[in-house]
Structures are given as structure tokens and as C-alpha cells.
Amino acid sequence: MTVVNKLEQALASAKGLAADLKTFSLDTDDQQAKQMFNSLSSNAENMASMIENRFNYVKTQEPQYGNNSQQKQNKQQNKNELK
């Protein structure tokens, strides 16, 4: 599994965790628990944001994760030039 795949998986997990915690907050009547779940949800959203920033950075730094359509266009252009 590549770094980008691991980051993508971690991002999905963090977003899922944030959503679950928010749901727990909405489902409880206990104000202390509601506050705790909201706080934890906010923390998970912050984690997801940081992971997403890293994910986007890695994609810009690693050519194999770059703009695939641009790479395909370049390959096609090179093939056409060879003909």
C-alpha cells in the first residue's frame, strides 16, 4: 500500500469518526456527554483537515500521483510524434 493510499484511508476513517461522534452527540440527552462528543467530533474534523492537507501535498510532490489526465495527454503526444 502506498503512502497516498494510506493517507486516503486515514482521511476516510477520520471523516467517518467525526460523523459518528457528531451522531452520538445528537442522539444523547446527557448534556455532559453531548459536549464531550461535540468536542471529540471537532478534534476528528481537525485531524481530517490536517490529513487532507498532507494528502494533497504528497500528491503534488510525487509525479506518479499527479494529474493523470495531463500525463495521458503527454504520453499520447509523444506517441503521435513518433509516428
N, C-alpha and C. Protein backbone atom coordinates (compact mmCIF):
# COMPACT_ATOMS: atom_id res chain seq x y z
N MET A 1 0.85 -1.17 0.00
CA MET A 1 0.00 0.00 0.00
C MET A 1 0.90 1.24 0.00
N THR A 2 0.60 2.17 -0.87
CA THR A 2 1.41 3.38 -0.98
C THR A 2 1.04 4.39 0.10
N VAL A 3 1.90 5.38 0.27
CA VAL A 3 1.64 6.43 1.24
C VAL A 3 0.33 7.15 0.93
N VAL A 4 0.11 7.43 -0.34
CA VAL A 4 -1.12 8.13 -0.73
C VAL A 4 -2.34 7.27 -0.38
N ASN A 5 -2.26 5.97 -0.63
CA ASN A 5 -3.37 5.09 -0.28
C ASN A 5 -3.62 5.09 1.22
N LYS A 6 -2.53 5.05 2.01
CA LYS A 6 -2.67 5.06 3.46
C LYS A 6 -3.27 6.37 3.95
N LEU A 7 -2.83 7.48 3.36
CA LEU A 7 -3.38 8.78 3.74
C LEU A 7 -4.86 8.87 3.36
N GLU A 8 -5.19 8.35 2.19
CA GLU A 8 -6.57 8.37 1.74
C GLU A 8 -7.45 7.55 2.70
N GLN A 9 -6.94 6.40 3.12
CA GLN A 9 -7.67 5.55 4.06
C GLN A 9 -7.81 6.24 5.42
N ALA A 10 -6.73 6.86 5.89
CA ALA A 10 -6.77 7.57 7.17
C ALA A 10 -7.75 8.74 7.11
N LEU A 11 -7.78 9.43 5.98
CA LEU A 11 -8.70 10.56 5.80
C LEU A 11 -10.15 10.08 5.87
N ALA A 12 -10.46 9.01 5.18
CA ALA A 12 -11.82 8.47 5.21
C ALA A 12 -12.20 8.05 6.63
N SER A 13 -11.26 7.43 7.33
CA SER A 13 -11.52 7.00 8.71
C SER A 13 -11.77 8.19 9.63
N ALA A 14 -10.96 9.23 9.49
CA ALA A 14 -11.11 10.42 10.34
C ALA A 14 -12.45 11.11 10.08
N LYS A 15 -12.84 11.19 8.81
CA LYS A 15 -14.13 11.80 8.47
C LYS A 15 -15.28 10.96 9.01
N GLY A 16 -15.14 9.63 8.91
CA GLY A 16 -16.17 8.74 9.44
C GLY A 16 -16.29 8.85 10.95
N LEU A 17 -15.14 8.93 11.62
CA LEU A 17 -15.13 9.08 13.07
C LEU A 17 -15.82 10.38 13.48
N ALA A 18 -15.49 11.47 12.79
CA ALA A 18 -16.10 12.76 13.11
C ALA A 18 -17.62 12.69 12.95
N ALA A 19 -18.08 12.04 11.90
CA ALA A 19 -19.52 11.91 11.66
C ALA A 19 -20.18 11.05 12.74
N ASP A 20 -19.53 9.96 13.10
CA ASP A 20 -20.08 9.10 14.15
C ASP A 20 -20.20 9.84 15.48
N LEU A 21 -19.16 10.57 15.82
CA LEU A 21 -19.17 11.31 17.09
C LEU A 21 -20.24 12.39 17.10
N LYS A 22 -20.43 13.03 15.96
CA LYS A 22 -21.48 14.05 15.85
C LYS A 22 -22.86 13.40 16.04
N THR A 23 -23.03 12.22 15.46
CA THR A 23 -24.28 11.49 15.61
C THR A 23 -24.52 11.12 17.07
N PHE A 24 -23.46 10.66 17.75
CA PHE A 24 -23.60 10.34 19.17
C PHE A 24 -24.06 11.57 19.95
N SER A 25 -23.48 12.71 19.60
CA SER A 25 -23.85 13.96 20.27
C SER A 25 -25.33 14.28 20.08
N LEU A 26 -25.81 14.08 18.88
CA LEU A 26 -27.21 14.38 18.57
C LEU A 26 -28.17 13.37 19.20
N ASP A 27 -27.67 12.15 19.42
CA ASP A 27 -28.53 11.08 19.94
C ASP A 27 -28.66 11.07 21.46
N THR A 28 -27.84 11.83 22.16
CA THR A 28 -27.89 11.77 23.62
C THR A 28 -28.58 12.99 24.20
N ASP A 29 -29.21 12.79 25.33
CA ASP A 29 -29.83 13.89 26.06
C ASP A 29 -28.94 14.38 27.20
N ASP A 30 -27.92 13.61 27.52
CA ASP A 30 -26.98 13.96 28.58
C ASP A 30 -26.09 15.10 28.10
N GLN A 31 -26.22 16.27 28.72
CA GLN A 31 -25.51 17.46 28.27
C GLN A 31 -23.99 17.30 28.36
N GLN A 32 -23.52 16.61 29.39
CA GLN A 32 -22.08 16.40 29.53
C GLN A 32 -21.56 15.50 28.41
N ALA A 33 -22.29 14.44 28.10
CA ALA A 33 -21.91 13.55 27.01
C ALA A 33 -22.00 14.28 25.67
N LYS A 34 -23.04 15.08 25.49
CA LYS A 34 -23.22 15.85 24.26
C LYS A 34 -22.01 16.77 24.03
N GLN A 35 -21.57 17.44 25.09
CA GLN A 35 -20.43 18.34 24.99
C GLN A 35 -19.15 17.56 24.67
N MET A 36 -18.98 16.41 25.31
CA MET A 36 -17.81 15.58 25.06
C MET A 36 -17.78 15.11 23.60
N PHE A 37 -18.91 14.60 23.09
CA PHE A 37 -18.96 14.11 21.72
C PHE A 37 -18.74 15.23 20.71
N ASN A 38 -19.29 16.42 20.98
CA ASN A 38 -19.06 17.56 20.09
C ASN A 38 -17.59 17.94 20.06
N SER A 39 -16.95 17.93 21.22
CA SER A 39 -15.53 18.26 21.29
C SER A 39 -14.69 17.22 20.54
N LEU A 40 -15.00 15.96 20.76
CA LEU A 40 -14.27 14.90 20.07
C LEU A 40 -14.50 14.96 18.56
N SER A 41 -15.72 15.28 18.15
CA SER A 41 -16.04 15.41 16.73
C SER A 41 -15.22 16.54 16.11
N SER A 42 -15.12 17.64 16.81
CA SER A 42 -14.34 18.77 16.33
C SER A 42 -12.86 18.38 16.19
N ASN A 43 -12.34 17.64 17.16
CA ASN A 43 -10.96 17.17 17.09
C ASN A 43 -10.75 16.26 15.88
N ALA A 44 -11.70 15.38 15.64
CA ALA A 44 -11.59 14.46 14.50
C ALA A 44 -11.67 15.23 13.17
N GLU A 45 -12.50 16.27 13.12
CA GLU A 45 -12.57 17.10 11.92
C GLU A 45 -11.24 17.82 11.68
N ASN A 46 -10.61 18.28 12.76
CA ASN A 46 -9.29 18.92 12.63
C ASN A 46 -8.25 17.93 12.14
N MET A 47 -8.30 16.71 12.66
CA MET A 47 -7.38 15.67 12.19
C MET A 47 -7.59 15.40 10.70
N ALA A 48 -8.85 15.29 10.30
CA ALA A 48 -9.16 15.04 8.90
C ALA A 48 -8.63 16.16 8.02
N SER A 49 -8.76 17.38 8.47
CA SER A 49 -8.25 18.52 7.70
C SER A 49 -6.73 18.46 7.55
N MET A 50 -6.04 18.12 8.63
CA MET A 50 -4.57 18.02 8.56
C MET A 50 -4.14 16.87 7.66
N ILE A 51 -4.84 15.74 7.75
CA ILE A 51 -4.51 14.60 6.88
C ILE A 51 -4.77 14.96 5.43
N GLU A 52 -5.87 15.66 5.18
CA GLU A 52 -6.19 16.06 3.81
C GLU A 52 -5.13 17.01 3.25
N ASN A 53 -4.63 17.93 4.07
CA ASN A 53 -3.56 18.83 3.64
C ASN A 53 -2.31 18.03 3.26
N ARG A 54 -1.96 17.06 4.09
CA ARG A 54 -0.79 16.23 3.81
C ARG A 54 -1.01 15.40 2.55
N PHE A 55 -2.19 14.84 2.41
CA PHE A 55 -2.55 14.05 1.23
C PHE A 55 -2.37 14.89 -0.04
N ASN A 56 -2.89 16.10 -0.03
CA ASN A 56 -2.77 16.99 -1.19
C ASN A 56 -1.32 17.36 -1.46
N TYR A 57 -0.56 17.60 -0.41
CA TYR A 57 0.86 17.94 -0.57
C TYR A 57 1.63 16.77 -1.21
N VAL A 58 1.41 15.58 -0.69
CA VAL A 58 2.12 14.41 -1.22
C VAL A 58 1.78 14.21 -2.70
N LYS A 59 0.53 14.41 -3.04
CA LYS A 59 0.13 14.26 -4.45
C LYS A 59 0.85 15.26 -5.35
N THR A 60 1.14 16.45 -4.85
CA THR A 60 1.84 17.43 -5.69
C THR A 60 3.33 17.14 -5.77
N GLN A 61 3.88 16.45 -4.78
CA GLN A 61 5.31 16.19 -4.73
C GLN A 61 5.71 14.91 -5.47
N GLU A 62 4.80 13.99 -5.60
CA GLU A 62 5.09 12.71 -6.23
C GLU A 62 4.48 12.67 -7.62
N PRO A 63 5.30 12.58 -8.66
CA PRO A 63 4.78 12.64 -10.03
C PRO A 63 3.78 11.53 -10.36
N GLN A 64 3.95 10.36 -9.75
CA GLN A 64 3.02 9.28 -10.06
C GLN A 64 1.61 9.54 -9.55
N TYR A 65 1.44 10.52 -8.65
CA TYR A 65 0.12 10.84 -8.13
C TYR A 65 -0.41 12.14 -8.72
N GLY A 66 0.31 12.69 -9.65
CA GLY A 66 -0.06 13.98 -10.23
C GLY A 66 -1.29 13.87 -11.11
N ASN A 67 -1.46 14.87 -11.90
CA ASN A 67 -2.62 14.97 -12.79
C ASN A 67 -2.54 13.87 -13.85
N ASN A 68 -3.30 12.81 -13.68
CA ASN A 68 -3.27 11.68 -14.60
C ASN A 68 -3.67 12.07 -16.01
N SER A 69 -4.62 12.97 -16.14
CA SER A 69 -5.06 13.36 -17.48
C SER A 69 -3.93 14.08 -18.22
N GLN A 70 -3.16 14.88 -17.51
CA GLN A 70 -2.02 15.56 -18.13
C GLN A 70 -0.97 14.55 -18.55
N GLN A 71 -0.70 13.55 -17.72
CA GLN A 71 0.26 12.52 -18.06
C GLN A 71 -0.20 11.74 -19.28
N LYS A 72 -1.48 11.41 -19.36
CA LYS A 72 -2.01 10.69 -20.51
C LYS A 72 -1.88 11.51 -21.78
N GLN A 73 -2.14 12.82 -21.67
CA GLN A 73 -2.00 13.69 -22.83
C GLN A 73 -0.56 13.73 -23.31
N ASN A 74 0.37 13.81 -22.38
CA ASN A 74 1.78 13.84 -22.74
C ASN A 74 2.21 12.55 -23.41
N LYS A 75 1.76 11.42 -22.90
CA LYS A 75 2.10 10.12 -23.49
C LYS A 75 1.53 10.02 -24.90
N GLN A 76 0.28 10.46 -25.05
CA GLN A 76 -0.36 10.41 -26.37
C GLN A 76 0.37 11.31 -27.35
N GLN A 77 0.78 12.48 -26.89
CA GLN A 77 1.50 13.42 -27.74
C GLN A 77 2.84 12.81 -28.17
N ASN A 78 3.53 12.16 -27.24
CA ASN A 78 4.79 11.51 -27.56
C ASN A 78 4.61 10.41 -28.57
N LYS A 79 3.53 9.62 -28.46
CA LYS A 79 3.24 8.56 -29.42
C LYS A 79 2.98 9.14 -30.79
N ASN A 80 2.23 10.24 -30.83
CA ASN A 80 1.91 10.87 -32.11
C ASN A 80 3.17 11.43 -32.78
N GLU A 81 4.09 11.93 -31.99
CA GLU A 81 5.32 12.49 -32.54
C GLU A 81 6.21 11.39 -33.13
N LEU A 82 6.12 10.19 -32.56
CA LEU A 82 6.93 9.09 -33.04
C LEU A 82 6.41 8.51 -34.33
N LYS A 83 5.15 8.75 -34.69
CA LYS A 83 4.54 8.19 -35.90
C LYS A 83 5.01 8.88 -37.13
